[in-house]
Amino acid sequence: MIEIKSPKSIHNLTSDWEILKHGVPQGYILGPLPFLVYINILPLQINSLSESILFADDTSVIISKDNFIDFSTSANQVLACMIEWFSANK
């Protein structure tokens, strides 16, 4: 369950509980290795369009362009690549 609180809003958003269909059981001794192999492939998909920074289980994507149109185009291409990668890797 995820709860999002905004200091600028009186509304809080809460997600519903769901059953996980994919993943590695918590405490599984080999858990970190498959995750590292799995997540380190993502930057290969988007490096020609952006810079990615991986730290532990966090990923940041940096896109820098001179104007909004180029930025928007690159952002949409990166998101399309990421959606394709996430869909293929569930």
N, C-alpha and C. Protein backbone atom coordinates (compact mmCIF):
# COMPACT_ATOMS: atom_id res chain seq x y z
N MET A 1 0.84 -1.17 0.00
CA MET A 1 0.00 0.00 0.00
C MET A 1 0.89 1.24 0.00
N ILE A 2 0.54 2.21 -0.79
CA ILE A 2 1.30 3.45 -0.88
C ILE A 2 0.39 4.60 -0.50
N GLU A 3 0.91 5.49 0.33
CA GLU A 3 0.16 6.68 0.70
C GLU A 3 0.97 7.90 0.29
N ILE A 4 0.33 8.83 -0.41
CA ILE A 4 0.99 10.05 -0.86
C ILE A 4 0.35 11.22 -0.14
N LYS A 5 1.18 11.97 0.57
CA LYS A 5 0.69 13.14 1.29
C LYS A 5 1.33 14.38 0.67
N SER A 6 0.53 15.39 0.44
CA SER A 6 1.04 16.62 -0.13
C SER A 6 0.83 17.76 0.86
N PRO A 7 1.90 18.49 1.18
CA PRO A 7 1.74 19.60 2.12
C PRO A 7 0.91 20.74 1.55
N LYS A 8 0.76 20.79 0.23
CA LYS A 8 0.01 21.87 -0.41
C LYS A 8 -1.45 21.50 -0.68
N SER A 9 -1.85 20.30 -0.27
CA SER A 9 -3.21 19.85 -0.56
C SER A 9 -3.83 19.25 0.69
N ILE A 10 -5.12 19.33 0.76
CA ILE A 10 -5.82 18.73 1.90
C ILE A 10 -6.15 17.26 1.62
N HIS A 11 -5.91 16.81 0.38
CA HIS A 11 -6.23 15.45 -0.02
C HIS A 11 -5.00 14.56 0.05
N ASN A 12 -5.17 13.36 0.57
CA ASN A 12 -4.13 12.35 0.56
C ASN A 12 -4.59 11.22 -0.34
N LEU A 13 -3.69 10.62 -1.07
CA LEU A 13 -4.01 9.52 -1.97
C LEU A 13 -3.49 8.22 -1.38
N THR A 14 -4.29 7.18 -1.43
CA THR A 14 -3.90 5.88 -0.90
C THR A 14 -4.20 4.82 -1.96
N SER A 15 -3.24 3.92 -2.17
CA SER A 15 -3.44 2.84 -3.13
C SER A 15 -4.13 1.66 -2.45
N ASP A 16 -4.58 0.73 -3.27
CA ASP A 16 -5.20 -0.49 -2.75
C ASP A 16 -4.13 -1.57 -2.57
N TRP A 17 -4.40 -2.53 -1.68
CA TRP A 17 -3.52 -3.67 -1.50
C TRP A 17 -3.67 -4.59 -2.71
N GLU A 18 -2.56 -5.11 -3.20
CA GLU A 18 -2.58 -6.04 -4.33
C GLU A 18 -1.64 -7.20 -4.03
N ILE A 19 -1.89 -8.35 -4.64
CA ILE A 19 -1.02 -9.50 -4.52
C ILE A 19 0.11 -9.33 -5.52
N LEU A 20 1.36 -9.51 -5.06
CA LEU A 20 2.52 -9.41 -5.94
C LEU A 20 2.62 -10.68 -6.78
N LYS A 21 2.79 -10.51 -8.09
CA LYS A 21 2.87 -11.65 -8.99
C LYS A 21 4.31 -11.92 -9.42
N HIS A 22 5.20 -10.97 -9.20
CA HIS A 22 6.60 -11.11 -9.62
C HIS A 22 7.49 -10.61 -8.49
N GLY A 23 8.74 -11.02 -8.52
CA GLY A 23 9.68 -10.51 -7.54
C GLY A 23 10.42 -11.64 -6.85
N VAL A 24 11.27 -11.25 -5.93
CA VAL A 24 12.09 -12.18 -5.17
C VAL A 24 11.64 -12.09 -3.71
N PRO A 25 11.45 -13.24 -3.05
CA PRO A 25 11.03 -13.19 -1.64
C PRO A 25 12.03 -12.41 -0.78
N GLN A 26 11.51 -11.65 0.16
CA GLN A 26 12.37 -10.87 1.03
C GLN A 26 13.25 -11.81 1.84
N GLY A 27 14.54 -11.48 1.93
CA GLY A 27 15.49 -12.29 2.68
C GLY A 27 16.10 -13.41 1.87
N TYR A 28 15.68 -13.58 0.62
CA TYR A 28 16.22 -14.63 -0.24
C TYR A 28 17.69 -14.32 -0.51
N ILE A 29 18.56 -15.27 -0.28
CA ILE A 29 20.01 -15.02 -0.33
C ILE A 29 20.50 -14.59 -1.71
N LEU A 30 19.87 -15.06 -2.77
CA LEU A 30 20.29 -14.68 -4.12
C LEU A 30 19.51 -13.49 -4.65
N GLY A 31 18.63 -12.91 -3.85
CA GLY A 31 17.79 -11.80 -4.28
C GLY A 31 18.53 -10.64 -4.91
N PRO A 32 19.61 -10.15 -4.29
CA PRO A 32 20.30 -8.99 -4.87
C PRO A 32 20.95 -9.25 -6.22
N LEU A 33 21.46 -10.45 -6.46
CA LEU A 33 22.14 -10.73 -7.72
C LEU A 33 21.21 -10.65 -8.93
N PRO A 34 20.06 -11.34 -8.92
CA PRO A 34 19.17 -11.19 -10.08
C PRO A 34 18.70 -9.75 -10.27
N PHE A 35 18.47 -9.04 -9.16
CA PHE A 35 18.04 -7.65 -9.28
C PHE A 35 19.11 -6.82 -9.98
N LEU A 36 20.37 -6.97 -9.58
CA LEU A 36 21.46 -6.19 -10.19
C LEU A 36 21.60 -6.50 -11.68
N VAL A 37 21.52 -7.77 -12.03
CA VAL A 37 21.60 -8.14 -13.44
C VAL A 37 20.42 -7.55 -14.20
N TYR A 38 19.26 -7.65 -13.61
CA TYR A 38 18.01 -7.17 -14.21
C TYR A 38 18.03 -5.66 -14.43
N ILE A 39 18.37 -4.90 -13.41
CA ILE A 39 18.27 -3.44 -13.48
C ILE A 39 19.41 -2.80 -14.26
N ASN A 40 20.56 -3.44 -14.32
CA ASN A 40 21.70 -2.85 -15.03
C ASN A 40 21.55 -2.91 -16.54
N ILE A 41 20.55 -3.60 -17.04
CA ILE A 41 20.29 -3.64 -18.48
C ILE A 41 19.51 -2.40 -18.92
N LEU A 42 18.72 -1.81 -18.03
CA LEU A 42 17.90 -0.65 -18.39
C LEU A 42 18.71 0.50 -18.98
N PRO A 43 19.84 0.91 -18.37
CA PRO A 43 20.60 2.04 -18.96
C PRO A 43 21.07 1.77 -20.38
N LEU A 44 21.31 0.52 -20.73
CA LEU A 44 21.73 0.21 -22.10
C LEU A 44 20.64 0.57 -23.10
N GLN A 45 19.39 0.52 -22.67
CA GLN A 45 18.27 0.83 -23.55
C GLN A 45 18.09 2.33 -23.77
N ILE A 46 18.49 3.16 -22.79
CA ILE A 46 18.19 4.59 -22.88
C ILE A 46 19.41 5.49 -22.92
N ASN A 47 20.62 4.94 -22.88
CA ASN A 47 21.83 5.77 -22.82
C ASN A 47 22.04 6.63 -24.05
N SER A 48 21.56 6.23 -25.20
CA SER A 48 21.76 7.06 -26.38
C SER A 48 20.86 8.30 -26.34
N LEU A 49 19.81 8.26 -25.51
CA LEU A 49 18.85 9.37 -25.42
C LEU A 49 19.00 10.20 -24.16
N SER A 50 19.60 9.62 -23.13
CA SER A 50 19.67 10.30 -21.84
C SER A 50 20.82 9.71 -21.02
N GLU A 51 21.01 10.27 -19.85
CA GLU A 51 21.99 9.74 -18.91
C GLU A 51 21.22 9.11 -17.75
N SER A 52 21.61 7.92 -17.37
CA SER A 52 20.94 7.27 -16.25
C SER A 52 21.92 7.11 -15.10
N ILE A 53 21.40 7.21 -13.90
CA ILE A 53 22.19 7.06 -12.69
C ILE A 53 21.51 6.00 -11.83
N LEU A 54 22.24 4.94 -11.52
CA LEU A 54 21.71 3.87 -10.68
C LEU A 54 22.40 3.93 -9.32
N PHE A 55 21.62 3.81 -8.27
CA PHE A 55 22.16 3.72 -6.91
C PHE A 55 21.25 2.81 -6.12
N ALA A 56 21.79 1.67 -5.69
CA ALA A 56 21.02 0.67 -4.95
C ALA A 56 19.77 0.31 -5.76
N ASP A 57 18.59 0.59 -5.22
CA ASP A 57 17.36 0.26 -5.95
C ASP A 57 16.67 1.50 -6.50
N ASP A 58 17.45 2.55 -6.74
CA ASP A 58 16.90 3.81 -7.24
C ASP A 58 17.52 4.13 -8.59
N THR A 59 16.72 4.58 -9.52
CA THR A 59 17.19 4.95 -10.85
C THR A 59 16.74 6.35 -11.17
N SER A 60 17.67 7.18 -11.63
CA SER A 60 17.35 8.54 -12.08
C SER A 60 17.71 8.65 -13.55
N VAL A 61 16.90 9.39 -14.28
CA VAL A 61 17.15 9.62 -15.70
C VAL A 61 17.30 11.12 -15.91
N ILE A 62 18.40 11.51 -16.55
CA ILE A 62 18.68 12.93 -16.79
C ILE A 62 18.60 13.19 -18.28
N ILE A 63 17.75 14.15 -18.64
CA ILE A 63 17.59 14.56 -20.04
C ILE A 63 17.87 16.05 -20.09
N SER A 64 18.79 16.46 -20.94
CA SER A 64 19.14 17.87 -21.04
C SER A 64 19.12 18.29 -22.51
N LYS A 65 18.27 19.25 -22.82
CA LYS A 65 18.16 19.77 -24.19
C LYS A 65 18.08 21.28 -24.14
N ASP A 66 18.35 21.92 -25.27
CA ASP A 66 18.39 23.38 -25.34
C ASP A 66 17.01 24.03 -25.43
N ASN A 67 16.01 23.28 -25.90
CA ASN A 67 14.68 23.87 -26.01
C ASN A 67 13.61 22.85 -25.64
N PHE A 68 12.41 23.34 -25.43
CA PHE A 68 11.34 22.49 -24.93
C PHE A 68 10.95 21.40 -25.92
N ILE A 69 10.95 21.72 -27.20
CA ILE A 69 10.53 20.73 -28.21
C ILE A 69 11.50 19.56 -28.23
N ASP A 70 12.81 19.84 -28.24
CA ASP A 70 13.80 18.77 -28.21
C ASP A 70 13.70 17.97 -26.91
N PHE A 71 13.50 18.68 -25.79
CA PHE A 71 13.36 18.01 -24.50
C PHE A 71 12.14 17.10 -24.50
N SER A 72 11.02 17.60 -24.97
CA SER A 72 9.79 16.83 -25.01
C SER A 72 9.94 15.59 -25.88
N THR A 73 10.55 15.74 -27.03
CA THR A 73 10.78 14.62 -27.94
C THR A 73 11.66 13.57 -27.27
N SER A 74 12.76 14.00 -26.67
CA SER A 74 13.67 13.06 -26.00
C SER A 74 13.00 12.37 -24.82
N ALA A 75 12.26 13.14 -24.02
CA ALA A 75 11.57 12.57 -22.87
C ALA A 75 10.57 11.50 -23.31
N ASN A 76 9.83 11.77 -24.36
CA ASN A 76 8.87 10.79 -24.87
C ASN A 76 9.56 9.54 -25.41
N GLN A 77 10.72 9.71 -26.06
CA GLN A 77 11.46 8.56 -26.56
C GLN A 77 12.00 7.72 -25.41
N VAL A 78 12.53 8.38 -24.38
CA VAL A 78 13.05 7.67 -23.21
C VAL A 78 11.92 6.91 -22.52
N LEU A 79 10.79 7.58 -22.32
CA LEU A 79 9.65 6.91 -21.68
C LEU A 79 9.16 5.72 -22.51
N ALA A 80 9.14 5.86 -23.83
CA ALA A 80 8.73 4.74 -24.69
C ALA A 80 9.70 3.57 -24.55
N CYS A 81 11.00 3.85 -24.50
CA CYS A 81 11.99 2.78 -24.31
C CYS A 81 11.83 2.12 -22.95
N MET A 82 11.58 2.93 -21.92
CA MET A 82 11.41 2.38 -20.57
C MET A 82 10.14 1.53 -20.49
N ILE A 83 9.06 1.99 -21.09
CA ILE A 83 7.82 1.22 -21.08
C ILE A 83 8.03 -0.11 -21.80
N GLU A 84 8.73 -0.08 -22.93
CA GLU A 84 9.03 -1.31 -23.66
C GLU A 84 9.86 -2.26 -22.82
N TRP A 85 10.89 -1.71 -22.12
CA TRP A 85 11.76 -2.53 -21.27
C TRP A 85 10.98 -3.12 -20.12
N PHE A 86 10.15 -2.29 -19.43
CA PHE A 86 9.35 -2.79 -18.31
C PHE A 86 8.34 -3.84 -18.77
N SER A 87 7.74 -3.65 -19.92
CA SER A 87 6.78 -4.63 -20.44
C SER A 87 7.47 -5.96 -20.74
N ALA A 88 8.64 -5.89 -21.33
CA ALA A 88 9.38 -7.11 -21.67
C ALA A 88 9.87 -7.83 -20.42
N ASN A 89 10.17 -7.09 -19.36
CA ASN A 89 10.73 -7.68 -18.13
C ASN A 89 9.72 -7.84 -17.01
N LYS A 90 8.50 -7.45 -17.25
CA LYS A 90 7.41 -7.53 -16.29
C LYS A 90 7.85 -7.06 -14.93
